[in-house]
């Protein structure tokens, strides 16, 4: 059974809406524990030798937005930016694949 364009658009919109709600509402509750690489560096004793990345001063460094003082809002906006960026990349890739057919 072939789906109509309208039902496909509704599906994508619903998926985007769910991702947005999760990124803005639930991401604040993510674990504050160190990630795997940081945990190994801590366990092995070389965490102190780590250097900041070249992008550590960027507006979206450390899972937040640099110019927002409210931590919950900062994390939510950073998540929203990530969802939008992912959606844009997906739309471009889907468009390229569709054109090749």
PDB file of N, CA and C in Angstrom:
ATOM      1  N   UNK A   1       0.833  -1.181   0.000  1.00  0.00           N
ATOM      2  CA  UNK A   1       0.000   0.000   0.000  1.00  0.00           C
ATOM      3  C   UNK A   1       0.879   1.247   0.000  1.00  0.00           C
ATOM      4  N   UNK A   2       0.620   2.129  -0.921  1.00  0.00           N
ATOM      5  CA  UNK A   2       1.405   3.344  -1.047  1.00  0.00           C
ATOM      6  C   UNK A   2       0.803   4.451  -0.184  1.00  0.00           C
ATOM      7  N   UNK A   3       1.677   5.127   0.588  1.00  0.00           N
ATOM      8  CA  UNK A   3       1.208   6.210   1.444  1.00  0.00           C
ATOM      9  C   UNK A   3       1.053   7.489   0.641  1.00  0.00           C
ATOM     10  N   UNK A   4       0.068   8.274   1.036  1.00  0.00           N
ATOM     11  CA  UNK A   4      -0.107   9.559   0.380  1.00  0.00           C
ATOM     12  C   UNK A   4       0.959  10.530   0.888  1.00  0.00           C
ATOM     13  N   UNK A   5       1.212  11.553   0.093  1.00  0.00           N
ATOM     14  CA  UNK A   5       2.186  12.572   0.493  1.00  0.00           C
ATOM     15  C   UNK A   5       1.764  13.259   1.786  1.00  0.00           C
ATOM     16  N   UNK A   6       0.445  13.447   1.937  1.00  0.00           N
ATOM     17  CA  UNK A   6      -0.072  14.124   3.126  1.00  0.00           C
ATOM     18  C   UNK A   6       0.190  13.300   4.388  1.00  0.00           C
ATOM     19  N   UNK A   7      -0.035  12.005   4.341  1.00  0.00           N
ATOM     20  CA  UNK A   7       0.200  11.178   5.526  1.00  0.00           C
ATOM     21  C   UNK A   7       1.692  11.083   5.835  1.00  0.00           C
ATOM     22  N   UNK A   8       2.513  11.105   4.806  1.00  0.00           N
ATOM     23  CA  UNK A   8       3.960  11.090   5.014  1.00  0.00           C
ATOM     24  C   UNK A   8       4.423  12.400   5.653  1.00  0.00           C
ATOM     25  N   UNK A   9       3.859  13.503   5.210  1.00  0.00           N
ATOM     26  CA  UNK A   9       4.188  14.808   5.813  1.00  0.00           C
ATOM     27  C   UNK A   9       3.770  14.836   7.282  1.00  0.00           C
ATOM     28  N   UNK A  10       2.586  14.285   7.583  1.00  0.00           N
ATOM     29  CA  UNK A  10       2.130  14.232   8.974  1.00  0.00           C
ATOM     30  C   UNK A  10       3.057  13.373   9.827  1.00  0.00           C
ATOM     31  N   UNK A  11       3.518  12.260   9.265  1.00  0.00           N
ATOM     32  CA  UNK A  11       4.449  11.401   9.985  1.00  0.00           C
ATOM     33  C   UNK A  11       5.744  12.153  10.297  1.00  0.00           C
ATOM     34  N   UNK A  12       6.320  12.809   9.302  1.00  0.00           N
ATOM     35  CA  UNK A  12       7.568  13.560   9.514  1.00  0.00           C
ATOM     36  C   UNK A  12       7.375  14.698  10.512  1.00  0.00           C
ATOM     37  N   UNK A  13       6.245  15.395  10.421  1.00  0.00           N
ATOM     38  CA  UNK A  13       5.968  16.464  11.360  1.00  0.00           C
ATOM     39  C   UNK A  13       5.848  15.919  12.783  1.00  0.00           C
ATOM     40  N   UNK A  14       5.140  14.813  12.937  1.00  0.00           N
ATOM     41  CA  UNK A  14       4.995  14.190  14.260  1.00  0.00           C
ATOM     42  C   UNK A  14       6.334  13.742  14.820  1.00  0.00           C
ATOM     43  N   UNK A  15       7.160  13.173  13.966  1.00  0.00           N
ATOM     44  CA  UNK A  15       8.500  12.741  14.380  1.00  0.00           C
ATOM     45  C   UNK A  15       9.333  13.940  14.806  1.00  0.00           C
ATOM     46  N   UNK A  16       9.281  15.024  14.022  1.00  0.00           N
ATOM     47  CA  UNK A  16      10.015  16.251  14.345  1.00  0.00           C
ATOM     48  C   UNK A  16       9.506  16.853  15.651  1.00  0.00           C
ATOM     49  N   UNK A  17       8.201  16.844  15.839  1.00  0.00           N
ATOM     50  CA  UNK A  17       7.609  17.379  17.061  1.00  0.00           C
ATOM     51  C   UNK A  17       8.046  16.558  18.282  1.00  0.00           C
ATOM     52  N   UNK A  18       8.032  15.244  18.162  1.00  0.00           N
ATOM     53  CA  UNK A  18       8.466  14.385  19.271  1.00  0.00           C
ATOM     54  C   UNK A  18       9.937  14.617  19.596  1.00  0.00           C
ATOM     55  N   UNK A  19      10.772  14.724  18.573  1.00  0.00           N
ATOM     56  CA  UNK A  19      12.197  14.978  18.793  1.00  0.00           C
ATOM     57  C   UNK A  19      12.412  16.326  19.462  1.00  0.00           C
ATOM     58  N   UNK A  20      11.626  17.321  19.072  1.00  0.00           N
ATOM     59  CA  UNK A  20      11.736  18.653  19.664  1.00  0.00           C
ATOM     60  C   UNK A  20      11.340  18.625  21.139  1.00  0.00           C
ATOM     61  N   UNK A  21      10.236  17.955  21.453  1.00  0.00           N
ATOM     62  CA  UNK A  21       9.784  17.857  22.843  1.00  0.00           C
ATOM     63  C   UNK A  21      10.839  17.139  23.687  1.00  0.00           C
ATOM     64  N   UNK A  22      11.380  16.045  23.163  1.00  0.00           N
ATOM     65  CA  UNK A  22      12.411  15.321  23.904  1.00  0.00           C
ATOM     66  C   UNK A  22      13.663  16.164  24.093  1.00  0.00           C
ATOM     67  N   UNK A  23      14.090  16.846  23.040  1.00  0.00           N
ATOM     68  CA  UNK A  23      15.318  17.653  23.118  1.00  0.00           C
ATOM     69  C   UNK A  23      15.168  18.817  24.080  1.00  0.00           C
ATOM     70  N   UNK A  24      14.006  19.448  24.068  1.00  0.00           N
ATOM     71  CA  UNK A  24      13.824  20.628  24.916  1.00  0.00           C
ATOM     72  C   UNK A  24      13.357  20.287  26.329  1.00  0.00           C
ATOM     73  N   UNK A  25      12.615  19.200  26.483  1.00  0.00           N
ATOM     74  CA  UNK A  25      12.041  18.894  27.779  1.00  0.00           C
ATOM     75  C   UNK A  25      12.752  17.819  28.574  1.00  0.00           C
ATOM     76  N   UNK A  26      13.272  16.828  27.899  1.00  0.00           N
ATOM     77  CA  UNK A  26      13.839  15.679  28.598  1.00  0.00           C
ATOM     78  C   UNK A  26      15.362  15.746  28.673  1.00  0.00           C
ATOM     79  N   UNK A  27      15.986  16.454  27.767  1.00  0.00           N
ATOM     80  CA  UNK A  27      17.455  16.471  27.722  1.00  0.00           C
ATOM     81  C   UNK A  27      18.074  17.022  28.999  1.00  0.00           C
ATOM     82  N   UNK A  28      17.349  17.855  29.707  1.00  0.00           N
ATOM     83  CA  UNK A  28      17.862  18.415  30.964  1.00  0.00           C
ATOM     84  C   UNK A  28      18.080  17.319  32.011  1.00  0.00           C
ATOM     85  N   UNK A  29      17.330  16.229  31.886  1.00  0.00           N
ATOM     86  CA  UNK A  29      17.422  15.148  32.865  1.00  0.00           C
ATOM     87  C   UNK A  29      18.452  14.083  32.480  1.00  0.00           C
ATOM     88  N   UNK A  30      19.221  14.305  31.440  1.00  0.00           N
ATOM     89  CA  UNK A  30      20.252  13.350  31.035  1.00  0.00           C
ATOM     90  C   UNK A  30      21.300  13.218  32.137  1.00  0.00           C
ATOM     91  N   UNK A  31      21.996  12.130  32.123  1.00  0.00           N
ATOM     92  CA  UNK A  31      22.978  11.850  33.172  1.00  0.00           C
ATOM     93  C   UNK A  31      24.082  12.901  33.191  1.00  0.00           C
ATOM     94  N   UNK A  32      24.448  13.301  34.387  1.00  0.00           N
ATOM     95  CA  UNK A  32      25.558  14.248  34.530  1.00  0.00           C
ATOM     96  C   UNK A  32      26.874  13.508  34.737  1.00  0.00           C
ATOM     97  N   UNK A  33      26.818  12.186  34.700  1.00  0.00           N
ATOM     98  CA  UNK A  33      28.044  11.390  34.823  1.00  0.00           C
ATOM     99  C   UNK A  33      28.915  11.596  33.592  1.00  0.00           C
ATOM    100  N   UNK A  34      30.236  11.420  33.737  1.00  0.00           N
ATOM    101  CA  UNK A  34      31.108  11.601  32.574  1.00  0.00           C
ATOM    102  C   UNK A  34      30.828  10.545  31.502  1.00  0.00           C
ATOM    103  N   UNK A  35      31.091  10.913  30.237  1.00  0.00           N
ATOM    104  CA  UNK A  35      30.915   9.946  29.162  1.00  0.00           C
ATOM    105  C   UNK A  35      32.014   8.885  29.239  1.00  0.00           C
ATOM    106  N   UNK A  36      31.970   7.906  28.369  1.00  0.00           N
ATOM    107  CA  UNK A  36      32.901   6.774  28.424  1.00  0.00           C
ATOM    108  C   UNK A  36      34.359   7.172  28.347  1.00  0.00           C
ATOM    109  N   UNK A  37      34.692   8.042  27.410  1.00  0.00           N
ATOM    110  CA  UNK A  37      36.082   8.457  27.238  1.00  0.00           C
ATOM    111  C   UNK A  37      36.588   9.216  28.460  1.00  0.00           C
ATOM    112  N   UNK A  38      35.760  10.113  28.969  1.00  0.00           N
ATOM    113  CA  UNK A  38      36.146  10.880  30.150  1.00  0.00           C
ATOM    114  C   UNK A  38      36.292   9.967  31.373  1.00  0.00           C
ATOM    115  N   UNK A  39      35.431   8.966  31.490  1.00  0.00           N
ATOM    116  CA  UNK A  39      35.485   8.031  32.608  1.00  0.00           C
ATOM    117  C   UNK A  39      36.765   7.209  32.570  1.00  0.00           C
ATOM    118  N   UNK A  40      37.152   6.734  31.386  1.00  0.00           N
ATOM    119  CA  UNK A  40      38.394   5.964  31.251  1.00  0.00           C
ATOM    120  C   UNK A  40      39.593   6.843  31.584  1.00  0.00           C
ATOM    121  N   UNK A  41      39.590   8.073  31.088  1.00  0.00           N
ATOM    122  CA  UNK A  41      40.696   8.996  31.379  1.00  0.00           C
ATOM    123  C   UNK A  41      40.801   9.248  32.884  1.00  0.00           C
ATOM    124  N   UNK A  42      39.657   9.350  33.547  1.00  0.00           N
ATOM    125  CA  UNK A  42      39.645   9.552  34.996  1.00  0.00           C
ATOM    126  C   UNK A  42      40.173   8.303  35.716  1.00  0.00           C
ATOM    127  N   UNK A  43      39.683   7.129  35.297  1.00  0.00           N
ATOM    128  CA  UNK A  43      40.102   5.870  35.933  1.00  0.00           C
ATOM    129  C   UNK A  43      41.587   5.588  35.730  1.00  0.00           C
ATOM    130  N   UNK A  44      42.108   5.930  34.563  1.00  0.00           N
ATOM    131  CA  UNK A  44      43.506   5.651  34.253  1.00  0.00           C
ATOM    132  C   UNK A  44      44.456   6.757  34.702  1.00  0.00           C
ATOM    133  N   UNK A  45      43.912   7.861  35.171  1.00  0.00           N
ATOM    134  CA  UNK A  45      44.729   8.914  35.758  1.00  0.00           C
ATOM    135  C   UNK A  45      45.327   9.925  34.792  1.00  0.00           C
ATOM    136  N   UNK A  46      44.781  10.042  33.594  1.00  0.00           N
ATOM    137  CA  UNK A  46      45.337  11.039  32.674  1.00  0.00           C
ATOM    138  C   UNK A  46      44.315  12.108  32.286  1.00  0.00           C
ATOM    139  N   UNK A  47      43.272  12.246  33.079  1.00  0.00           N
ATOM    140  CA  UNK A  47      42.253  13.256  32.809  1.00  0.00           C
ATOM    141  C   UNK A  47      42.827  14.669  32.900  1.00  0.00           C
ATOM    142  N   UNK A  48      43.769  14.873  33.812  1.00  0.00           N
ATOM    143  CA  UNK A  48      44.355  16.214  34.005  1.00  0.00           C
ATOM    144  C   UNK A  48      45.136  16.689  32.781  1.00  0.00           C
ATOM    145  N   UNK A  49      45.595  15.763  31.957  1.00  0.00           N
ATOM    146  CA  UNK A  49      46.393  16.138  30.787  1.00  0.00           C
ATOM    147  C   UNK A  49      45.530  16.499  29.575  1.00  0.00           C
ATOM    148  N   UNK A  50      44.218  16.342  29.716  1.00  0.00           N
ATOM    149  CA  UNK A  50      43.318  16.637  28.595  1.00  0.00           C
ATOM    150  C   UNK A  50      43.351  18.126  28.261  1.00  0.00           C
ATOM    151  N   UNK A  51      43.250  18.416  26.977  1.00  0.00           N
ATOM    152  CA  UNK A  51      43.213  19.802  26.510  1.00  0.00           C
ATOM    153  C   UNK A  51      41.832  20.083  25.947  1.00  0.00           C
ATOM    154  N   UNK A  52      41.394  21.323  26.046  1.00  0.00           N
ATOM    155  CA  UNK A  52      40.114  21.713  25.461  1.00  0.00           C
ATOM    156  C   UNK A  52      40.192  21.613  23.943  1.00  0.00           C
ATOM    157  N   UNK A  53      39.058  21.278  23.331  1.00  0.00           N
ATOM    158  CA  UNK A  53      39.028  21.213  21.874  1.00  0.00           C
ATOM    159  C   UNK A  53      39.057  22.624  21.300  1.00  0.00           C
ATOM    160  N   UNK A  54      39.286  22.700  20.016  1.00  0.00           N
ATOM    161  CA  UNK A  54      39.314  23.995  19.344  1.00  0.00           C
ATOM    162  C   UNK A  54      37.944  24.669  19.374  1.00  0.00           C
ATOM    163  N   UNK A  55      36.889  23.884  19.564  1.00  0.00           N
ATOM    164  CA  UNK A  55      35.530  24.426  19.573  1.00  0.00           C
ATOM    165  C   UNK A  55      34.975  24.622  20.985  1.00  0.00           C
ATOM    166  N   UNK A  56      35.823  24.514  21.996  1.00  0.00           N
ATOM    167  CA  UNK A  56      35.341  24.612  23.374  1.00  0.00           C
ATOM    168  C   UNK A  56      34.770  25.990  23.714  1.00  0.00           C
ATOM    169  N   UNK A  57      35.102  26.987  22.952  1.00  0.00           N
ATOM    170  CA  UNK A  57      34.575  28.325  23.187  1.00  0.00           C
ATOM    171  C   UNK A  57      33.387  28.665  22.303  1.00  0.00           C
ATOM    172  N   UNK A  58      32.908  27.681  21.545  1.00  0.00           N
ATOM    173  CA  UNK A  58      31.799  27.947  20.630  1.00  0.00           C
ATOM    174  C   UNK A  58      30.489  28.142  21.389  1.00  0.00           C
ATOM    175  N   UNK A  59      29.494  28.737  20.759  1.00  0.00           N
ATOM    176  CA  UNK A  59      28.229  29.030  21.444  1.00  0.00           C
ATOM    177  C   UNK A  59      27.485  27.786  21.948  1.00  0.00           C
ATOM    178  N   UNK A  60      27.729  26.617  21.367  1.00  0.00           N
ATOM    179  CA  UNK A  60      27.014  25.406  21.772  1.00  0.00           C
ATOM    180  C   UNK A  60      27.914  24.397  22.487  1.00  0.00           C
ATOM    181  N   UNK A  61      29.013  24.830  23.046  1.00  0.00           N
ATOM    182  CA  UNK A  61      29.930  23.920  23.738  1.00  0.00           C
ATOM    183  C   UNK A  61      29.299  23.403  25.036  1.00  0.00           C
ATOM    184  N   UNK A  62      29.655  22.208  25.423  1.00  0.00           N
ATOM    185  CA  UNK A  62      29.205  21.587  26.683  1.00  0.00           C
ATOM    186  C   UNK A  62      27.688  21.442  26.780  1.00  0.00           C
ATOM    187  N   UNK A  63      27.043  21.080  25.685  1.00  0.00           N
ATOM    188  CA  UNK A  63      25.612  20.765  25.669  1.00  0.00           C
ATOM    189  C   UNK A  63      24.730  21.908  26.163  1.00  0.00           C
ATOM    190  N   UNK A  64      25.134  23.115  25.878  1.00  0.00           N
ATOM    191  CA  UNK A  64      24.343  24.274  26.278  1.00  0.00           C
ATOM    192  C   UNK A  64      24.620  25.445  25.364  1.00  0.00           C
ATOM    193  N   UNK A  65      23.892  26.523  25.578  1.00  0.00           N
ATOM    194  CA  UNK A  65      24.083  27.746  24.807  1.00  0.00           C
ATOM    195  C   UNK A  65      24.817  28.733  25.700  1.00  0.00           C
ATOM    196  N   UNK A  66      25.949  29.230  25.226  1.00  0.00           N
ATOM    197  CA  UNK A  66      26.858  30.028  26.053  1.00  0.00           C
ATOM    198  C   UNK A  66      26.218  31.296  26.612  1.00  0.00           C
ATOM    199  N   UNK A  67      25.375  31.965  25.873  1.00  0.00           N
ATOM    200  CA  UNK A  67      24.865  33.264  26.303  1.00  0.00           C
ATOM    201  C   UNK A  67      23.581  33.179  27.126  1.00  0.00           C
ATOM    202  N   UNK A  68      23.107  31.977  27.441  1.00  0.00           N
ATOM    203  CA  UNK A  68      21.917  31.813  28.281  1.00  0.00           C
ATOM    204  C   UNK A  68      22.334  31.399  29.689  1.00  0.00           C
ATOM    205  N   UNK A  69      21.917  32.152  30.678  1.00  0.00           N
ATOM    206  CA  UNK A  69      22.291  31.863  32.061  1.00  0.00           C
ATOM    207  C   UNK A  69      21.446  30.759  32.685  1.00  0.00           C
ATOM    208  N   UNK A  70      20.221  30.601  32.239  1.00  0.00           N
ATOM    209  CA  UNK A  70      19.325  29.567  32.760  1.00  0.00           C
ATOM    210  C   UNK A  70      19.765  28.214  32.193  1.00  0.00           C
ATOM    211  N   UNK A  71      20.253  27.315  33.057  1.00  0.00           N
ATOM    212  CA  UNK A  71      20.810  26.042  32.581  1.00  0.00           C
ATOM    213  C   UNK A  71      19.771  25.190  31.864  1.00  0.00           C
ATOM    214  N   UNK A  72      18.576  25.110  32.408  1.00  0.00           N
ATOM    215  CA  UNK A  72      17.514  24.295  31.800  1.00  0.00           C
ATOM    216  C   UNK A  72      17.173  24.818  30.396  1.00  0.00           C
ATOM    217  N   UNK A  73      17.023  26.125  30.257  1.00  0.00           N
ATOM    218  CA  UNK A  73      16.735  26.729  28.959  1.00  0.00           C
ATOM    219  C   UNK A  73      17.917  26.558  28.007  1.00  0.00           C
ATOM    220  N   UNK A  74      19.118  26.708  28.518  1.00  0.00           N
ATOM    221  CA  UNK A  74      20.328  26.587  27.712  1.00  0.00           C
ATOM    222  C   UNK A  74      20.448  25.197  27.091  1.00  0.00           C
ATOM    223  N   UNK A  75      20.228  24.170  27.900  1.00  0.00           N
ATOM    224  CA  UNK A  75      20.302  22.786  27.409  1.00  0.00           C
ATOM    225  C   UNK A  75      19.175  22.515  26.413  1.00  0.00           C
ATOM    226  N   UNK A  76      17.977  23.026  26.702  1.00  0.00           N
ATOM    227  CA  UNK A  76      16.845  22.835  25.809  1.00  0.00           C
ATOM    228  C   UNK A  76      17.046  23.489  24.453  1.00  0.00           C
ATOM    229  N   UNK A  77      17.558  24.697  24.452  1.00  0.00           N
ATOM    230  CA  UNK A  77      17.807  25.397  23.185  1.00  0.00           C
ATOM    231  C   UNK A  77      18.909  24.699  22.392  1.00  0.00           C
ATOM    232  N   UNK A  78      19.936  24.231  23.070  1.00  0.00           N
ATOM    233  CA  UNK A  78      20.993  23.487  22.380  1.00  0.00           C
ATOM    234  C   UNK A  78      20.428  22.212  21.754  1.00  0.00           C
ATOM    235  N   UNK A  79      19.524  21.544  22.473  1.00  0.00           N
ATOM    236  CA  UNK A  79      18.869  20.359  21.913  1.00  0.00           C
ATOM    237  C   UNK A  79      18.021  20.697  20.711  1.00  0.00           C
ATOM    238  N   UNK A  80      17.298  21.812  20.783  1.00  0.00           N
ATOM    239  CA  UNK A  80      16.478  22.248  19.659  1.00  0.00           C
ATOM    240  C   UNK A  80      17.345  22.560  18.434  1.00  0.00           C
ATOM    241  N   UNK A  81      18.462  23.223  18.643  1.00  0.00           N
ATOM    242  CA  UNK A  81      19.386  23.511  17.536  1.00  0.00           C
ATOM    243  C   UNK A  81      19.877  22.201  16.912  1.00  0.00           C
ATOM    244  N   UNK A  82      20.166  21.210  17.757  1.00  0.00           N
ATOM    245  CA  UNK A  82      20.593  19.903  17.247  1.00  0.00           C
ATOM    246  C   UNK A  82      19.518  19.215  16.434  1.00  0.00           C
ATOM    247  N   UNK A  83      18.270  19.282  16.889  1.00  0.00           N
ATOM    248  CA  UNK A  83      17.158  18.675  16.151  1.00  0.00           C
ATOM    249  C   UNK A  83      16.982  19.365  14.805  1.00  0.00           C
ATOM    250  N   UNK A  84      17.020  20.683  14.797  1.00  0.00           N
ATOM    251  CA  UNK A  84      16.854  21.426  13.541  1.00  0.00           C
ATOM    252  C   UNK A  84      18.001  21.140  12.581  1.00  0.00           C
ATOM    253  N   UNK A  85      19.232  21.122  13.088  1.00  0.00           N
ATOM    254  CA  UNK A  85      20.385  20.833  12.220  1.00  0.00           C
ATOM    255  C   UNK A  85      20.285  19.425  11.632  1.00  0.00           C
ATOM    256  N   UNK A  86      19.889  18.461  12.446  1.00  0.00           N
ATOM    257  CA  UNK A  86      19.731  17.090  11.959  1.00  0.00           C
ATOM    258  C   UNK A  86      18.629  17.006  10.916  1.00  0.00           C
ATOM    259  N   UNK A  87      17.521  17.707  11.141  1.00  0.00           N
ATOM    260  CA  UNK A  87      16.418  17.698  10.181  1.00  0.00           C
ATOM    261  C   UNK A  87      16.839  18.314   8.849  1.00  0.00           C
ATOM    262  N   UNK A  88      17.605  19.396   8.902  1.00  0.00           N
ATOM    263  CA  UNK A  88      18.067  20.047   7.669  1.00  0.00           C
ATOM    264  C   UNK A  88      18.988  19.109   6.885  1.00  0.00           C
ATOM    265  N   UNK A  89      19.926  18.482   7.573  1.00  0.00           N
ATOM    266  CA  UNK A  89      20.847  17.545   6.905  1.00  0.00           C
ATOM    267  C   UNK A  89      20.054  16.378   6.299  1.00  0.00           C
ATOM    268  N   UNK A  90      19.085  15.848   7.051  1.00  0.00           N
ATOM    269  CA  UNK A  90      18.271  14.742   6.539  1.00  0.00           C
ATOM    270  C   UNK A  90      17.477  15.170   5.311  1.00  0.00           C
ATOM    271  N   UNK A  91      16.868  16.348   5.348  1.00  0.00           N
ATOM    272  CA  UNK A  91      16.094  16.821   4.201  1.00  0.00           C
ATOM    273  C   UNK A  91      16.968  16.982   2.960  1.00  0.00           C
ATOM    274  N   UNK A  92      18.171  17.514   3.140  1.00  0.00           N
ATOM    275  CA  UNK A  92      19.090  17.670   2.006  1.00  0.00           C
ATOM    276  C   UNK A  92      19.470  16.304   1.442  1.00  0.00           C
ATOM    277  N   UNK A  93      19.816  15.377   2.328  1.00  0.00           N
ATOM    278  CA  UNK A  93      20.193  14.035   1.851  1.00  0.00           C
ATOM    279  C   UNK A  93      19.024  13.336   1.173  1.00  0.00           C
ATOM    280  N   UNK A  94      17.835  13.423   1.756  1.00  0.00           N
ATOM    281  CA  UNK A  94      16.657  12.806   1.138  1.00  0.00           C
ATOM    282  C   UNK A  94      16.369  13.414  -0.225  1.00  0.00           C
ATOM    283  N   UNK A  95      16.555  14.730  -0.354  1.00  0.00           N
ATOM    284  CA  UNK A  95      16.330  15.397  -1.637  1.00  0.00           C
ATOM    285  C   UNK A  95      17.328  14.912  -2.686  1.00  0.00           C
ATOM    286  N   UNK A  96      18.577  14.756  -2.278  1.00  0.00           N
ATOM    287  CA  UNK A  96      19.596  14.275  -3.212  1.00  0.00           C
ATOM    288  C   UNK A  96      19.313  12.848  -3.662  1.00  0.00           C
ATOM    289  N   UNK A  97      18.896  12.012  -2.739  1.00  0.00           N
ATOM    290  CA  UNK A  97      18.575  10.622  -3.080  1.00  0.00           C
ATOM    291  C   UNK A  97      17.370  10.571  -4.003  1.00  0.00           C
ATOM    292  N   UNK A  98      16.376  11.398  -3.734  1.00  0.00           N
ATOM    293  CA  UNK A  98      15.167  11.421  -4.549  1.00  0.00           C
ATOM    294  C   UNK A  98      15.478  11.866  -5.986  1.00  0.00           C
ATOM    295  N   UNK A  99      16.378  12.854  -6.141  1.00  0.00           N
ATOM    296  CA  UNK A  99      16.740  13.361  -7.461  1.00  0.00           C
ATOM    297  C   UNK A  99      17.473  12.293  -8.277  1.00  0.00           C
ATOM    298  N   UNK A 100      18.257  11.445  -7.612  1.00  0.00           N
ATOM    299  CA  UNK A 100      19.012  10.412  -8.315  1.00  0.00           C
ATOM    300  C   UNK A 100      18.112   9.355  -8.891  1.00  0.00           C
ATOM    301  N   UNK A 101      16.919   9.163  -8.305  1.00  0.00           N
ATOM    302  CA  UNK A 101      15.987   8.151  -8.804  1.00  0.00           C
ATOM    303  C   UNK A 101      15.365   8.664 -10.025  1.00  0.00           C
TER     304      UNK A 101
END
